[in-house]
N, C-alpha and C. Protein backbone atom coordinates (compact mmCIF):
# COMPACT_ATOMS: atom_id res chain seq x y z
N MET A 1 0.84 -1.18 0.00
CA MET A 1 0.00 0.00 0.00
C MET A 1 0.89 1.25 0.00
N MET A 2 0.65 2.15 -0.95
CA MET A 2 1.45 3.36 -1.08
C MET A 2 0.83 4.51 -0.28
N PHE A 3 1.69 5.27 0.40
CA PHE A 3 1.22 6.44 1.14
C PHE A 3 0.75 7.50 0.16
N LYS A 4 -0.36 8.14 0.47
CA LYS A 4 -0.88 9.21 -0.39
C LYS A 4 -1.12 10.45 0.46
N PHE A 5 -0.62 11.56 -0.02
CA PHE A 5 -0.96 12.83 0.62
C PHE A 5 -2.40 13.15 0.24
N LYS A 6 -3.15 13.66 1.21
CA LYS A 6 -4.55 14.02 0.96
C LYS A 6 -4.75 15.52 0.86
N ARG A 7 -3.94 16.27 1.62
CA ARG A 7 -4.12 17.72 1.67
C ARG A 7 -2.74 18.38 1.70
N ILE A 8 -2.44 19.17 0.67
CA ILE A 8 -1.13 19.81 0.53
C ILE A 8 -1.31 21.31 0.62
N LEU A 9 -0.55 21.93 1.50
CA LEU A 9 -0.62 23.37 1.74
C LEU A 9 0.53 24.07 1.03
N VAL A 10 0.20 25.13 0.28
CA VAL A 10 1.22 25.94 -0.39
C VAL A 10 1.08 27.39 0.10
N PRO A 11 1.93 27.81 1.04
CA PRO A 11 1.88 29.20 1.49
C PRO A 11 2.46 30.13 0.42
N LEU A 12 1.75 31.20 0.13
CA LEU A 12 2.17 32.16 -0.88
C LEU A 12 2.19 33.56 -0.29
N ASP A 13 3.14 34.37 -0.75
CA ASP A 13 3.21 35.76 -0.26
C ASP A 13 3.02 36.77 -1.39
N GLY A 14 2.67 36.29 -2.56
CA GLY A 14 2.46 37.18 -3.69
C GLY A 14 3.69 37.34 -4.57
N SER A 15 4.79 36.74 -4.19
CA SER A 15 6.03 36.91 -4.95
C SER A 15 6.23 35.78 -5.95
N GLU A 16 7.06 36.05 -6.95
CA GLU A 16 7.45 35.04 -7.93
C GLU A 16 8.19 33.90 -7.23
N PHE A 17 9.00 34.24 -6.23
CA PHE A 17 9.73 33.21 -5.48
C PHE A 17 8.77 32.22 -4.83
N ALA A 18 7.77 32.73 -4.15
CA ALA A 18 6.82 31.86 -3.46
C ALA A 18 6.08 30.97 -4.45
N GLU A 19 5.73 31.52 -5.60
CA GLU A 19 4.98 30.76 -6.59
C GLU A 19 5.80 29.64 -7.24
N ARG A 20 7.10 29.65 -7.05
CA ARG A 20 7.92 28.55 -7.59
C ARG A 20 7.65 27.24 -6.87
N ALA A 21 6.95 27.27 -5.77
CA ALA A 21 6.56 26.04 -5.07
C ALA A 21 5.33 25.40 -5.71
N LEU A 22 4.64 26.12 -6.59
CA LEU A 22 3.40 25.60 -7.16
C LEU A 22 3.61 24.39 -8.06
N ASP A 23 4.59 24.43 -8.94
CA ASP A 23 4.81 23.29 -9.84
C ASP A 23 5.16 22.01 -9.09
N PRO A 24 6.10 22.04 -8.13
CA PRO A 24 6.36 20.81 -7.37
C PRO A 24 5.13 20.34 -6.59
N ALA A 25 4.37 21.28 -6.04
CA ALA A 25 3.17 20.90 -5.29
C ALA A 25 2.15 20.22 -6.21
N LEU A 26 1.96 20.78 -7.40
CA LEU A 26 1.04 20.16 -8.37
C LEU A 26 1.54 18.79 -8.82
N ALA A 27 2.85 18.66 -9.00
CA ALA A 27 3.43 17.38 -9.43
C ALA A 27 3.19 16.29 -8.39
N ILE A 28 3.15 16.67 -7.14
CA ILE A 28 2.87 15.71 -6.07
C ILE A 28 1.37 15.47 -5.94
N ALA A 29 0.58 16.55 -5.99
CA ALA A 29 -0.86 16.46 -5.75
C ALA A 29 -1.61 15.71 -6.85
N ALA A 30 -1.30 16.00 -8.10
CA ALA A 30 -2.10 15.46 -9.21
C ALA A 30 -2.18 13.93 -9.23
N PRO A 31 -1.05 13.20 -9.19
CA PRO A 31 -1.17 11.74 -9.25
C PRO A 31 -1.88 11.14 -8.03
N MET A 32 -1.85 11.84 -6.92
CA MET A 32 -2.48 11.35 -5.69
C MET A 32 -3.91 11.87 -5.53
N GLU A 33 -4.32 12.75 -6.46
CA GLU A 33 -5.62 13.40 -6.38
C GLU A 33 -5.80 14.09 -5.03
N ALA A 34 -4.72 14.68 -4.55
CA ALA A 34 -4.74 15.38 -3.27
C ALA A 34 -5.35 16.77 -3.43
N GLU A 35 -5.93 17.26 -2.37
CA GLU A 35 -6.43 18.62 -2.35
C GLU A 35 -5.24 19.56 -2.18
N LEU A 36 -5.22 20.62 -2.95
CA LEU A 36 -4.17 21.63 -2.87
C LEU A 36 -4.77 22.88 -2.24
N VAL A 37 -4.15 23.36 -1.16
CA VAL A 37 -4.64 24.54 -0.46
C VAL A 37 -3.64 25.67 -0.65
N LEU A 38 -4.07 26.73 -1.33
CA LEU A 38 -3.25 27.93 -1.47
C LEU A 38 -3.54 28.81 -0.27
N PHE A 39 -2.49 29.26 0.40
CA PHE A 39 -2.65 29.96 1.68
C PHE A 39 -1.85 31.26 1.67
N ARG A 40 -2.47 32.31 2.15
CA ARG A 40 -1.79 33.61 2.22
C ARG A 40 -2.07 34.24 3.57
N VAL A 41 -1.03 34.74 4.20
CA VAL A 41 -1.19 35.50 5.43
C VAL A 41 -1.27 36.97 5.03
N ALA A 42 -2.43 37.57 5.25
CA ALA A 42 -2.62 38.99 4.93
C ALA A 42 -1.87 39.80 5.97
N GLN A 43 -1.09 40.75 5.50
CA GLN A 43 -0.26 41.54 6.40
C GLN A 43 -0.61 43.02 6.34
N PRO A 44 -1.62 43.42 7.10
CA PRO A 44 -1.88 44.86 7.18
C PRO A 44 -0.75 45.53 7.96
N ILE A 45 -0.66 46.83 7.84
CA ILE A 45 0.38 47.54 8.58
C ILE A 45 0.14 47.42 10.07
N PRO A 46 1.18 47.46 10.87
CA PRO A 46 1.00 47.34 12.32
C PRO A 46 0.16 48.49 12.88
N ARG A 47 -0.58 48.18 13.91
CA ARG A 47 -1.40 49.21 14.57
C ARG A 47 -0.47 50.12 15.37
N THR A 48 -0.43 51.38 14.98
CA THR A 48 0.40 52.36 15.67
C THR A 48 -0.47 53.22 16.57
N LYS A 49 0.16 54.04 17.39
CA LYS A 49 -0.60 54.94 18.26
C LYS A 49 -1.50 55.84 17.43
N ALA A 50 -0.96 56.37 16.32
CA ALA A 50 -1.77 57.25 15.46
C ALA A 50 -2.98 56.50 14.91
N LEU A 51 -2.78 55.25 14.48
CA LEU A 51 -3.89 54.48 13.94
C LEU A 51 -4.85 54.03 15.03
N ALA A 52 -4.35 53.85 16.24
CA ALA A 52 -5.23 53.48 17.35
C ALA A 52 -6.26 54.57 17.61
N ASP A 53 -5.89 55.81 17.31
CA ASP A 53 -6.82 56.93 17.49
C ASP A 53 -7.79 57.05 16.31
N MET A 54 -7.56 56.26 15.26
CA MET A 54 -8.44 56.29 14.08
C MET A 54 -8.85 54.86 13.73
N PRO A 55 -9.69 54.22 14.56
CA PRO A 55 -10.01 52.81 14.33
C PRO A 55 -10.68 52.54 12.99
N ASP A 56 -11.48 53.47 12.48
CA ASP A 56 -12.13 53.26 11.18
C ASP A 56 -11.10 53.18 10.06
N VAL A 57 -10.08 54.03 10.12
CA VAL A 57 -9.03 54.03 9.11
C VAL A 57 -8.27 52.70 9.16
N TYR A 58 -7.91 52.27 10.37
CA TYR A 58 -7.19 51.01 10.51
C TYR A 58 -8.04 49.85 10.00
N ASP A 59 -9.33 49.84 10.35
CA ASP A 59 -10.22 48.77 9.88
C ASP A 59 -10.28 48.73 8.35
N ASP A 60 -10.28 49.90 7.71
CA ASP A 60 -10.28 49.97 6.25
C ASP A 60 -8.99 49.39 5.67
N ILE A 61 -7.86 49.68 6.33
CA ILE A 61 -6.57 49.16 5.88
C ILE A 61 -6.54 47.64 5.99
N VAL A 62 -7.03 47.11 7.10
CA VAL A 62 -7.08 45.66 7.30
C VAL A 62 -8.00 45.01 6.26
N ALA A 63 -9.16 45.60 6.04
CA ALA A 63 -10.10 45.05 5.05
C ALA A 63 -9.47 45.04 3.66
N ALA A 64 -8.73 46.09 3.32
CA ALA A 64 -8.06 46.14 2.01
C ALA A 64 -7.01 45.05 1.89
N ALA A 65 -6.26 44.79 2.97
CA ALA A 65 -5.25 43.72 2.95
C ALA A 65 -5.91 42.36 2.74
N TYR A 66 -7.05 42.12 3.39
CA TYR A 66 -7.76 40.86 3.21
C TYR A 66 -8.29 40.72 1.79
N ARG A 67 -8.85 41.80 1.25
CA ARG A 67 -9.35 41.76 -0.13
C ARG A 67 -8.22 41.46 -1.11
N GLU A 68 -7.08 42.12 -0.91
CA GLU A 68 -5.94 41.90 -1.79
C GLU A 68 -5.49 40.45 -1.73
N ALA A 69 -5.43 39.86 -0.54
CA ALA A 69 -5.04 38.46 -0.38
C ALA A 69 -6.02 37.54 -1.10
N GLU A 70 -7.30 37.81 -0.95
CA GLU A 70 -8.32 36.98 -1.58
C GLU A 70 -8.27 37.07 -3.10
N VAL A 71 -8.14 38.28 -3.63
CA VAL A 71 -8.06 38.48 -5.08
C VAL A 71 -6.82 37.79 -5.64
N TYR A 72 -5.70 37.94 -4.96
CA TYR A 72 -4.45 37.30 -5.40
C TYR A 72 -4.62 35.77 -5.46
N LEU A 73 -5.14 35.18 -4.38
CA LEU A 73 -5.29 33.72 -4.33
C LEU A 73 -6.27 33.22 -5.39
N GLN A 74 -7.35 33.95 -5.61
CA GLN A 74 -8.30 33.55 -6.65
C GLN A 74 -7.66 33.60 -8.03
N GLY A 75 -6.80 34.59 -8.26
CA GLY A 75 -6.08 34.68 -9.53
C GLY A 75 -5.16 33.49 -9.74
N VAL A 76 -4.44 33.10 -8.70
CA VAL A 76 -3.56 31.93 -8.80
C VAL A 76 -4.39 30.67 -9.02
N GLN A 77 -5.50 30.57 -8.32
CA GLN A 77 -6.39 29.42 -8.47
C GLN A 77 -6.87 29.29 -9.92
N GLU A 78 -7.27 30.40 -10.52
CA GLU A 78 -7.74 30.37 -11.91
C GLU A 78 -6.61 29.99 -12.87
N ARG A 79 -5.41 30.49 -12.64
CA ARG A 79 -4.27 30.16 -13.51
C ARG A 79 -3.95 28.68 -13.46
N LEU A 80 -4.02 28.09 -12.27
CA LEU A 80 -3.63 26.68 -12.12
C LEU A 80 -4.65 25.74 -12.74
N GLY A 81 -5.92 26.01 -12.54
CA GLY A 81 -6.96 25.16 -13.09
C GLY A 81 -6.98 23.75 -12.54
N TYR A 82 -6.40 23.54 -11.37
CA TYR A 82 -6.40 22.21 -10.74
C TYR A 82 -7.77 21.98 -10.11
N PRO A 83 -8.41 20.81 -10.34
CA PRO A 83 -9.79 20.63 -9.89
C PRO A 83 -9.98 20.55 -8.37
N ARG A 84 -8.98 20.10 -7.64
CA ARG A 84 -9.13 19.96 -6.18
C ARG A 84 -8.31 21.04 -5.48
N LEU A 85 -8.79 22.27 -5.61
CA LEU A 85 -8.03 23.42 -5.14
C LEU A 85 -8.91 24.31 -4.28
N MET A 86 -8.36 24.75 -3.16
CA MET A 86 -9.08 25.72 -2.33
C MET A 86 -8.12 26.81 -1.90
N VAL A 87 -8.67 27.95 -1.49
CA VAL A 87 -7.84 29.06 -1.05
C VAL A 87 -8.24 29.46 0.36
N GLU A 88 -7.26 29.89 1.14
CA GLU A 88 -7.48 30.34 2.52
C GLU A 88 -6.55 31.51 2.79
N HIS A 89 -7.00 32.42 3.62
CA HIS A 89 -6.08 33.46 4.09
C HIS A 89 -6.38 33.79 5.54
N ARG A 90 -5.37 34.25 6.23
CA ARG A 90 -5.47 34.61 7.65
C ARG A 90 -4.77 35.95 7.86
N ASP A 91 -5.01 36.54 9.03
CA ASP A 91 -4.30 37.80 9.32
C ASP A 91 -2.93 37.47 9.88
N GLY A 92 -2.01 38.42 9.74
CA GLY A 92 -0.62 38.18 10.11
C GLY A 92 -0.22 38.71 11.47
N GLU A 93 -1.19 39.02 12.32
CA GLU A 93 -0.83 39.61 13.60
C GLU A 93 -0.07 38.66 14.51
N GLU A 94 -0.26 37.36 14.35
CA GLU A 94 0.45 36.39 15.19
C GLU A 94 1.76 35.92 14.56
N GLY A 95 2.11 36.45 13.43
CA GLY A 95 3.33 36.04 12.74
C GLY A 95 3.02 35.06 11.63
N ILE A 96 3.75 35.19 10.56
CA ILE A 96 3.50 34.39 9.36
C ILE A 96 3.72 32.90 9.61
N ALA A 97 4.88 32.55 10.14
CA ALA A 97 5.18 31.13 10.37
C ALA A 97 4.16 30.50 11.32
N ARG A 98 3.82 31.20 12.38
CA ARG A 98 2.85 30.68 13.35
C ARG A 98 1.50 30.44 12.68
N GLN A 99 1.05 31.35 11.83
CA GLN A 99 -0.24 31.19 11.15
C GLN A 99 -0.21 29.97 10.22
N ILE A 100 0.88 29.79 9.51
CA ILE A 100 1.01 28.64 8.60
C ILE A 100 0.98 27.34 9.41
N MET A 101 1.76 27.27 10.48
CA MET A 101 1.82 26.05 11.30
C MET A 101 0.47 25.77 11.96
N ASP A 102 -0.19 26.80 12.46
CA ASP A 102 -1.50 26.59 13.09
C ASP A 102 -2.52 26.10 12.08
N PHE A 103 -2.52 26.69 10.88
CA PHE A 103 -3.47 26.25 9.86
C PHE A 103 -3.19 24.79 9.48
N ALA A 104 -1.93 24.45 9.30
CA ALA A 104 -1.57 23.07 8.94
C ALA A 104 -2.05 22.09 10.01
N ALA A 105 -1.83 22.44 11.27
CA ALA A 105 -2.22 21.55 12.37
C ALA A 105 -3.74 21.43 12.49
N ASP A 106 -4.45 22.54 12.30
CA ASP A 106 -5.90 22.56 12.50
C ASP A 106 -6.69 22.06 11.29
N SER A 107 -6.05 21.93 10.14
CA SER A 107 -6.79 21.65 8.90
C SER A 107 -6.45 20.32 8.26
N GLY A 108 -5.76 19.46 8.97
CA GLY A 108 -5.47 18.14 8.43
C GLY A 108 -4.52 18.14 7.24
N VAL A 109 -3.58 19.07 7.23
CA VAL A 109 -2.60 19.14 6.15
C VAL A 109 -1.56 18.03 6.34
N ASP A 110 -1.27 17.29 5.25
CA ASP A 110 -0.27 16.22 5.28
C ASP A 110 1.11 16.71 4.89
N LEU A 111 1.16 17.75 4.04
CA LEU A 111 2.42 18.21 3.47
C LEU A 111 2.34 19.71 3.22
N VAL A 112 3.40 20.41 3.59
CA VAL A 112 3.55 21.83 3.25
C VAL A 112 4.64 21.91 2.19
N VAL A 113 4.34 22.56 1.07
CA VAL A 113 5.32 22.78 0.01
C VAL A 113 5.49 24.29 -0.12
N MET A 114 6.71 24.76 0.14
CA MET A 114 6.93 26.21 0.07
C MET A 114 8.33 26.50 -0.43
N SER A 115 8.51 27.71 -0.88
CA SER A 115 9.82 28.10 -1.38
C SER A 115 10.59 28.83 -0.30
N SER A 116 11.89 28.90 -0.52
CA SER A 116 12.78 29.65 0.36
C SER A 116 13.55 30.63 -0.49
N HIS A 117 13.68 31.84 -0.01
CA HIS A 117 14.43 32.85 -0.75
C HIS A 117 15.93 32.60 -0.71
N GLY A 118 16.37 31.74 0.17
CA GLY A 118 17.78 31.39 0.22
C GLY A 118 18.67 32.45 0.85
N ARG A 119 18.10 33.25 1.74
CA ARG A 119 18.92 34.26 2.42
C ARG A 119 19.91 33.57 3.35
N THR A 120 21.08 34.17 3.47
CA THR A 120 22.09 33.65 4.39
C THR A 120 22.67 34.81 5.17
N GLY A 121 23.46 34.49 6.16
CA GLY A 121 24.21 35.49 6.90
C GLY A 121 23.34 36.53 7.59
N VAL A 122 23.76 37.78 7.51
CA VAL A 122 23.09 38.87 8.22
C VAL A 122 21.65 39.04 7.75
N ARG A 123 21.40 38.92 6.45
CA ARG A 123 20.03 39.08 5.96
C ARG A 123 19.10 38.03 6.56
N ARG A 124 19.60 36.80 6.70
CA ARG A 124 18.77 35.75 7.31
C ARG A 124 18.53 36.07 8.79
N TRP A 125 19.57 36.54 9.47
CA TRP A 125 19.44 36.89 10.88
C TRP A 125 18.47 38.05 11.07
N MET A 126 18.55 39.06 10.20
CA MET A 126 17.68 40.23 10.32
C MET A 126 16.22 39.90 10.03
N TYR A 127 15.98 39.16 8.96
CA TYR A 127 14.61 38.91 8.52
C TYR A 127 14.04 37.61 9.06
N GLY A 128 14.90 36.74 9.54
CA GLY A 128 14.43 35.43 9.97
C GLY A 128 14.11 34.59 8.75
N SER A 129 13.76 33.39 8.96
CA SER A 129 13.41 32.52 7.85
C SER A 129 12.10 31.81 8.17
N VAL A 130 11.05 32.21 7.46
CA VAL A 130 9.77 31.55 7.65
C VAL A 130 9.91 30.07 7.29
N ALA A 131 10.61 29.79 6.19
CA ALA A 131 10.79 28.40 5.77
C ALA A 131 11.47 27.57 6.86
N GLU A 132 12.50 28.13 7.49
CA GLU A 132 13.20 27.40 8.54
C GLU A 132 12.28 27.14 9.73
N LYS A 133 11.49 28.13 10.11
CA LYS A 133 10.55 27.94 11.23
C LYS A 133 9.54 26.85 10.90
N ILE A 134 9.04 26.84 9.66
CA ILE A 134 8.08 25.81 9.25
C ILE A 134 8.74 24.44 9.25
N LEU A 135 9.94 24.36 8.70
CA LEU A 135 10.66 23.09 8.62
C LEU A 135 10.84 22.47 10.00
N HIS A 136 11.15 23.28 10.99
CA HIS A 136 11.43 22.75 12.33
C HIS A 136 10.20 22.71 13.24
N GLY A 137 9.14 23.44 12.91
CA GLY A 137 8.01 23.51 13.83
C GLY A 137 6.70 22.98 13.32
N CYS A 138 6.62 22.63 12.05
CA CYS A 138 5.35 22.20 11.48
C CYS A 138 5.06 20.74 11.85
N PRO A 139 3.81 20.42 12.14
CA PRO A 139 3.48 19.06 12.58
C PRO A 139 3.37 18.05 11.44
N CYS A 140 3.64 18.45 10.21
CA CYS A 140 3.51 17.52 9.09
C CYS A 140 4.77 17.57 8.22
N ALA A 141 4.80 16.75 7.19
CA ALA A 141 5.94 16.74 6.27
C ALA A 141 6.06 18.10 5.59
N THR A 142 7.30 18.48 5.28
CA THR A 142 7.56 19.79 4.67
C THR A 142 8.56 19.62 3.54
N LEU A 143 8.24 20.23 2.40
CA LEU A 143 9.15 20.26 1.26
C LEU A 143 9.49 21.72 0.99
N ILE A 144 10.78 22.05 1.09
CA ILE A 144 11.25 23.41 0.84
C ILE A 144 11.87 23.44 -0.55
N VAL A 145 11.34 24.30 -1.41
CA VAL A 145 11.86 24.49 -2.77
C VAL A 145 12.80 25.67 -2.70
N HIS A 146 14.08 25.41 -2.88
CA HIS A 146 15.09 26.48 -2.78
C HIS A 146 15.10 27.28 -4.07
N CYS A 147 14.91 28.56 -3.98
CA CYS A 147 14.77 29.42 -5.16
C CYS A 147 15.82 30.51 -5.18
N TRP A 148 16.69 30.42 -6.15
CA TRP A 148 17.63 31.51 -6.40
C TRP A 148 16.98 32.43 -7.42
N PRO A 149 17.39 33.69 -7.46
CA PRO A 149 16.83 34.58 -8.49
C PRO A 149 17.12 34.02 -9.88
N PRO A 150 16.13 34.13 -10.80
CA PRO A 150 16.35 33.59 -12.14
C PRO A 150 17.43 34.37 -12.87
N THR A 151 18.21 33.66 -13.67
CA THR A 151 19.22 34.31 -14.51
C THR A 151 18.60 34.57 -15.88
N GLU A 152 19.26 35.38 -16.68
CA GLU A 152 18.77 35.64 -18.04
C GLU A 152 18.68 34.33 -18.82
N GLU A 153 19.65 33.45 -18.59
CA GLU A 153 19.67 32.16 -19.29
C GLU A 153 18.45 31.31 -18.91
N SER A 154 18.11 31.25 -17.62
CA SER A 154 16.98 30.42 -17.19
C SER A 154 15.65 31.02 -17.63
N ARG A 155 15.57 32.33 -17.77
CA ARG A 155 14.33 32.96 -18.22
C ARG A 155 14.00 32.59 -19.67
N SER A 156 15.00 32.24 -20.46
CA SER A 156 14.76 31.93 -21.86
C SER A 156 14.43 30.46 -22.09
N LEU A 157 14.47 29.65 -21.02
CA LEU A 157 14.15 28.23 -21.17
C LEU A 157 12.65 28.05 -21.37
N PRO A 158 12.25 27.05 -22.15
CA PRO A 158 10.81 26.83 -22.40
C PRO A 158 10.10 26.35 -21.16
């Protein structure tokens, strides 16, 4: 009996780098007829003292961030055309990695497929690595697609 993934999570941030995880995720999902979940953590700007005094303005900013996340995910969903596909988004107030791990744990995800920007050294220390946090803290299998910036040569490949 062969193991089959049933639910595969692909966290996306709207970047070309993040979307490079889509092809490997589809390659795994399609033969297994697994459900593919596109996931985005909406990141409104942090609530500042000035915004605390203007709750309606802050609420509008948060609503716009959620709309943008939803529109983005629906666009990716339409481009992929995979029949067993759903989209989800959450707010980023608890941190991106935490939201991804919580969703995976609470939603029966078998596999997380995501890309890594490949930062090293000081940049990795300054920005942290969502991929690294997921790799070490996620309750399910994780596949990290390492993505270097495309070269002119790779852009011309079919």
